[in-house]
Amino acid sequence: MPELGEVFGSREQIMLMERGNQLWTLLRDDPRYSFYGRMVSLCQPDESAVERTAALARLQGATSCQYYPASDADGFRNRLIDQGLRADRYEQCRGGRKAYETSKRILSDLKPPDDLTVHAVDGTTTPELVADIAQLSIACGVMPVPGSAMRGQSRDGICLAAVDAQGGAVATASAYMSNHATSPRGTDAFWGMLATRDDWRGKRLAQILGAQSIVWMWEKLGARSFNTGVTADNTPSMTLCAKLEVTPSQWTFIGCMDPETFGTASVTR
C-alpha cells in the first residue's frame, strides 16, 4: 500500500485521505471511479449511482459523484439525504480548448508582481513550502491534497504557488488527472483548488495561476477538459472561472458526507 507521506488538515480530513488512498489501491483499475489524492469518487454514474455514492461515503467518510445530470441533481441529492447522509450540490464548471486558448491570451497580458516567484511543486520543493501551501489552502477553506500529489508523485498533475521574497506562499492553484485512462473522461482534469492570501487579493493571482495550470496540463499531460465544482451562489468563483472559459455544464458534482464521521464539516471544496 502506498504511503501518503505529507498530509494536512484536521484529523477527520487526514483519515479521509488515508481511507481514500487505501480504497484507491482496490479500485484504481475500474474506470467508473476517479481519484486526485483526497478521496475516491464516482465518475460514471448510472442507475446504481445513489447506492455506489452512499457506499463510498460510508467507506471513506465522504465522496463525490461527478458528471451527474443537472436536470436530476436535486432529486439525487435528496435520495442521499433520505439515507441519512449529508449531500451538497456543486455546479460542474467545465472548460476545453477555449479555456486553453483563453489562458494563453491571459498569460500574454498578465504577469505576477515582480516581487513574487511562481513555483511548480516537485520532489525538490522544501517540506516547509509544501506545508505553507497547504496551510494557505486551509485558511481559504480549501482542503489540500497530500504532499505526494502536490509534488506530482502520486498523481499526474501540477501544484503552482506564488511565493514572496520571504519564501511564503501567497497564492496557489492545482490541477490533476483524476480519471482512468480508458474512461470516456480519460483526458479530463480536476482543476482549481485556488487560494490567495488576504493581503494579496485583487492582484489577479488566482487568474494567472489558474491559467498557468490549464496551459501546463494541456501541453504537458494532454488534458483536454478542466472541471471544478462551484456552488451556484458563489459569485466570485463563478466570475473567475468564466474569465478562464470554465463555465457551468450539463452536469453537477454531488458532494456526499457521512455525518457519523464529519458532522457538519465540509470536505469537498
Protein backbone atom coordinates (compact mmCIF):
# COMPACT_ATOMS: atom_id res chain seq x y z
CA MET A 1 0.00 0.00 0.00
CA PRO A 2 1.49 3.40 -0.97
CA GLU A 3 2.34 5.76 1.87
CA LEU A 4 0.63 9.13 1.95
CA GLY A 5 3.65 10.97 3.30
CA GLU A 6 2.94 14.66 3.94
CA VAL A 7 -0.69 15.19 4.95
CA PHE A 8 -2.50 18.27 6.19
CA GLY A 9 -5.82 19.28 7.68
CA SER A 10 -7.99 18.14 10.55
CA ARG A 11 -7.82 14.64 11.99
CA GLU A 12 -11.04 13.79 10.13
CA GLN A 13 -9.69 15.09 6.83
CA ILE A 14 -6.43 13.17 7.21
CA MET A 15 -8.36 9.99 7.98
CA LEU A 16 -10.45 10.59 4.86
CA MET A 17 -7.32 10.82 2.73
CA GLU A 18 -5.89 7.69 4.34
CA ARG A 19 -9.07 5.72 3.61
CA GLY A 20 -9.23 7.10 0.09
CA ASN A 21 -5.62 6.13 -0.54
CA GLN A 22 -6.33 2.58 0.64
CA LEU A 23 -9.56 2.27 -1.33
CA TRP A 24 -7.88 3.51 -4.50
CA THR A 25 -5.49 0.53 -4.40
CA LEU A 26 -8.59 -1.66 -4.88
CA LEU A 27 -10.48 0.48 -7.41
CA ARG A 28 -7.73 2.12 -9.47
CA ASP A 29 -8.32 -0.20 -12.46
CA ASP A 30 -12.08 0.41 -12.55
CA PRO A 31 -12.89 3.31 -14.92
CA ARG A 32 -16.08 4.10 -13.03
CA TYR A 33 -14.05 5.73 -10.26
CA SER A 34 -11.69 8.70 -10.04
CA PHE A 35 -9.11 9.94 -7.56
CA TYR A 36 -6.92 13.03 -7.30
CA GLY A 37 -5.48 12.49 -3.84
CA ARG A 38 -8.28 13.32 -1.42
CA MET A 39 -10.97 10.66 -1.87
CA VAL A 40 -12.27 8.14 -4.39
CA SER A 41 -15.26 9.48 -6.33
CA LEU A 42 -17.80 8.04 -8.75
CA CYS A 43 -17.27 9.45 -12.26
CA GLN A 44 -19.60 7.27 -14.35
CA PRO A 45 -22.99 7.50 -12.63
CA ASP A 46 -25.68 5.03 -13.74
CA GLU A 47 -28.85 3.58 -12.25
CA SER A 48 -26.84 2.42 -9.21
CA ALA A 49 -25.32 5.87 -8.57
CA VAL A 50 -27.16 6.51 -5.30
CA GLU A 51 -26.10 3.17 -3.81
CA ARG A 52 -22.50 3.48 -5.02
CA THR A 53 -22.16 7.07 -3.81
CA ALA A 54 -23.62 6.18 -0.42
CA ALA A 55 -21.26 3.20 -0.10
CA LEU A 56 -18.20 5.32 -0.98
CA ALA A 57 -19.24 7.94 1.58
CA ARG A 58 -19.64 5.35 4.34
CA LEU A 59 -16.35 3.62 3.48
CA GLN A 60 -14.28 6.79 3.38
CA GLY A 61 -16.33 9.32 5.33
CA ALA A 62 -17.01 11.42 2.23
CA THR A 63 -17.07 11.23 -1.55
CA SER A 64 -18.47 12.95 -4.61
CA CYS A 65 -20.45 11.86 -7.62
CA GLN A 66 -19.26 13.66 -10.74
CA TYR A 67 -20.93 14.11 -14.14
CA TYR A 68 -24.38 13.77 -12.62
CA PRO A 69 -27.05 15.36 -14.87
CA ALA A 70 -28.06 18.80 -13.59
CA SER A 71 -31.69 18.06 -14.51
CA ASP A 72 -31.98 15.48 -11.69
CA ALA A 73 -29.29 16.76 -9.31
CA ASP A 74 -31.70 17.92 -6.60
CA GLY A 75 -33.56 14.61 -6.68
CA PHE A 76 -30.29 12.69 -6.45
CA ARG A 77 -29.19 14.84 -3.54
CA ASN A 78 -32.48 14.23 -1.72
CA ARG A 79 -32.20 10.46 -2.20
CA LEU A 80 -28.81 10.52 -0.49
CA ILE A 81 -30.21 12.64 2.35
CA ASP A 82 -33.01 10.09 2.76
CA GLN A 83 -30.29 7.52 3.51
CA GLY A 84 -29.07 9.60 6.45
CA LEU A 85 -26.16 11.19 4.58
CA ARG A 86 -25.34 14.84 4.03
CA ALA A 87 -25.26 15.92 0.39
CA ASP A 88 -24.43 19.21 -1.32
CA ARG A 89 -24.80 20.28 -4.93
CA TYR A 90 -21.97 21.93 -6.89
CA GLU A 91 -22.33 23.08 -10.47
CA GLN A 92 -19.77 21.24 -12.60
CA CYS A 93 -17.96 24.05 -14.38
CA ARG A 94 -16.06 22.80 -17.39
CA GLY A 95 -13.68 24.20 -19.99
CA GLY A 96 -11.95 22.74 -23.05
CA ARG A 97 -9.94 24.17 -25.94
CA LYS A 98 -11.43 27.62 -25.42
CA ALA A 99 -10.20 27.56 -21.80
CA TYR A 100 -6.71 26.68 -23.03
CA GLU A 101 -6.66 29.38 -25.71
CA THR A 102 -8.08 31.99 -23.31
CA SER A 103 -5.49 31.04 -20.70
CA LYS A 104 -2.70 31.52 -23.25
CA ARG A 105 -4.03 35.01 -24.06
CA ILE A 106 -4.33 35.89 -20.37
CA LEU A 107 -0.74 34.88 -19.74
CA SER A 108 0.46 37.06 -22.60
CA ASP A 109 -1.22 40.07 -20.96
CA LEU A 110 -0.88 39.42 -17.22
CA LYS A 111 2.25 38.75 -15.18
CA PRO A 112 2.71 38.21 -11.44
CA PRO A 113 4.11 41.17 -9.50
CA ASP A 114 7.90 41.46 -9.74
CA ASP A 115 8.36 40.62 -6.07
CA LEU A 116 6.73 37.19 -6.47
CA THR A 117 8.13 33.98 -7.94
CA VAL A 118 5.89 31.19 -9.25
CA HIS A 119 7.00 27.70 -8.22
CA ALA A 120 5.79 24.38 -9.61
CA VAL A 121 5.89 21.99 -6.66
CA ASP A 122 8.00 18.87 -7.26
CA GLY A 123 10.30 16.47 -5.47
CA THR A 124 12.84 19.21 -4.78
CA THR A 125 10.37 21.58 -3.11
CA THR A 126 11.09 22.00 0.58
CA PRO A 127 8.69 20.43 3.09
CA GLU A 128 8.30 23.90 4.61
CA LEU A 129 6.91 25.38 1.37
CA VAL A 130 4.61 22.40 0.80
CA ALA A 131 3.25 22.83 4.34
CA ASP A 132 2.85 26.57 3.78
CA ILE A 133 0.83 25.97 0.59
CA ALA A 134 -1.36 23.54 2.50
CA GLN A 135 -1.93 26.00 5.34
CA LEU A 136 -2.80 28.76 2.86
CA SER A 137 -5.37 26.44 1.28
CA ILE A 138 -6.87 25.55 4.65
CA ALA A 139 -7.09 29.23 5.63
CA CYS A 140 -9.11 29.83 2.43
CA GLY A 141 -11.46 26.93 3.09
CA VAL A 142 -9.86 24.57 0.57
CA MET A 143 -8.87 21.07 1.65
CA PRO A 144 -5.32 20.38 0.38
CA VAL A 145 -4.23 17.15 -1.25
CA PRO A 146 -1.32 15.17 0.25
CA GLY A 147 2.19 16.39 -0.47
CA SER A 148 2.83 13.42 -2.78
CA ALA A 149 0.04 14.66 -5.07
CA MET A 150 1.21 18.28 -4.87
CA ARG A 151 4.67 17.12 -5.92
CA GLY A 152 3.27 15.20 -8.92
CA GLN A 153 4.47 11.91 -7.49
CA SER A 154 1.28 10.01 -6.65
CA ARG A 155 -0.92 11.82 -9.23
CA ASP A 156 -0.19 13.27 -12.64
CA GLY A 157 -0.72 16.98 -12.25
CA ILE A 158 0.67 20.27 -11.06
CA CYS A 159 0.51 22.47 -7.99
CA LEU A 160 1.64 26.06 -8.50
CA ALA A 161 2.47 28.57 -5.79
CA ALA A 162 3.25 32.26 -5.94
CA VAL A 163 5.96 32.84 -3.34
CA ASP A 164 7.03 36.15 -1.81
CA ALA A 165 10.54 37.37 -1.01
CA GLN A 166 10.36 35.75 2.43
CA GLY A 167 9.62 32.34 0.90
CA GLY A 168 5.96 32.26 1.91
CA ALA A 169 3.15 31.07 -0.35
CA VAL A 170 0.66 33.86 -1.14
CA ALA A 171 -1.43 32.11 -3.82
CA THR A 172 -1.85 28.60 -5.20
CA ALA A 173 -3.67 26.66 -7.92
CA SER A 174 -3.66 22.97 -8.86
CA ALA A 175 -4.86 20.54 -11.49
CA TYR A 176 -4.67 16.74 -11.61
CA MET A 177 -5.57 13.97 -14.00
CA SER A 178 -8.10 12.03 -11.97
CA ASN A 179 -9.93 9.59 -14.27
CA HIS A 180 -8.84 6.21 -15.62
CA ALA A 181 -7.06 6.48 -18.97
CA THR A 182 -9.66 4.20 -20.62
CA SER A 183 -12.60 6.15 -19.20
CA PRO A 184 -14.71 8.29 -21.56
CA ARG A 185 -13.37 11.12 -19.36
CA GLY A 186 -9.76 9.94 -19.52
CA THR A 187 -8.42 13.32 -20.69
CA ASP A 188 -10.39 15.34 -18.12
CA ALA A 189 -8.51 17.10 -15.32
CA PHE A 190 -9.80 18.16 -11.94
CA TRP A 191 -8.79 21.82 -11.80
CA GLY A 192 -8.90 24.63 -9.27
CA MET A 193 -8.12 24.49 -5.55
CA LEU A 194 -7.45 28.21 -5.90
CA ALA A 195 -6.41 30.11 -2.79
CA THR A 196 -4.96 33.61 -2.25
CA ARG A 197 -3.75 35.17 0.97
CA ASP A 198 -5.95 38.06 2.11
CA ASP A 199 -3.25 40.73 1.75
CA TRP A 200 -2.55 39.67 -1.86
CA ARG A 201 -6.08 39.62 -3.19
CA GLY A 202 -7.08 41.92 -6.03
CA LYS A 203 -3.85 41.30 -7.98
CA ARG A 204 -5.32 38.63 -10.29
CA LEU A 205 -3.05 35.93 -8.87
CA ALA A 206 -5.79 33.27 -8.96
CA GLN A 207 -6.47 34.12 -12.60
CA ILE A 208 -2.78 33.94 -13.50
CA LEU A 209 -2.05 30.69 -11.64
CA GLY A 210 -5.33 29.16 -12.80
CA ALA A 211 -4.41 29.95 -16.40
CA GLN A 212 -0.86 28.63 -15.95
CA SER A 213 -2.15 25.32 -14.60
CA ILE A 214 -4.57 24.93 -17.52
CA VAL A 215 -1.84 25.59 -20.09
CA TRP A 216 0.61 23.23 -18.37
CA MET A 217 -1.93 20.40 -18.12
CA TRP A 218 -2.94 20.83 -21.78
CA GLU A 219 0.60 20.94 -23.12
CA LYS A 220 2.41 18.54 -20.77
CA LEU A 221 -0.20 15.92 -19.84
CA GLY A 222 -2.68 16.04 -22.71
CA ALA A 223 -5.63 17.25 -20.64
CA ARG A 224 -8.48 18.32 -22.89
CA SER A 225 -11.07 19.34 -20.32
CA PHE A 226 -10.90 21.11 -16.98
CA ASN A 227 -13.55 20.52 -14.33
CA THR A 228 -14.31 22.06 -10.99
CA GLY A 229 -17.28 22.23 -8.64
CA VAL A 230 -18.75 25.59 -7.60
CA THR A 231 -21.96 26.34 -5.71
CA ALA A 232 -24.39 28.37 -7.80
CA ASP A 233 -24.36 31.27 -5.31
CA ASN A 234 -20.55 31.58 -5.22
CA THR A 235 -20.40 34.61 -7.50
CA PRO A 236 -16.66 35.39 -7.08
CA SER A 237 -15.64 31.82 -8.04
CA MET A 238 -18.14 31.69 -10.90
CA THR A 239 -16.80 35.01 -12.21
CA LEU A 240 -13.19 33.86 -12.04
CA CYS A 241 -13.99 30.57 -13.77
CA ALA A 242 -15.87 32.44 -16.52
CA LYS A 243 -12.80 34.60 -17.20
CA LEU A 244 -10.94 31.37 -17.96
CA GLU A 245 -13.85 29.94 -20.01
CA VAL A 246 -14.59 27.29 -17.38
CA THR A 247 -18.37 27.54 -17.25
CA PRO A 248 -21.38 25.63 -15.86
CA SER A 249 -22.13 22.47 -17.84
CA GLN A 250 -24.99 19.99 -18.08
CA TRP A 251 -23.52 18.13 -15.11
CA THR A 252 -23.09 18.60 -11.38
CA PHE A 253 -20.81 17.38 -8.61
CA ILE A 254 -22.76 15.96 -5.69
CA GLY A 255 -20.65 16.04 -2.53
CA CYS A 256 -21.72 13.38 -0.03
CA MET A 257 -20.60 13.05 3.58
CA ASP A 258 -21.30 10.60 6.36
CA PRO A 259 -22.37 12.73 9.36
CA GLU A 260 -21.18 9.99 11.69
CA THR A 261 -17.65 10.90 10.59
CA PHE A 262 -17.75 14.58 9.69
CA GLY A 263 -20.81 16.10 11.34
CA THR A 264 -21.46 19.43 9.62
CA ALA A 265 -17.89 19.96 8.34
CA SER A 266 -17.23 20.43 4.63
CA VAL A 267 -14.55 18.37 2.92
CA THR A 268 -15.32 18.65 -0.78
CA ARG A 269 -14.27 22.18 -1.78
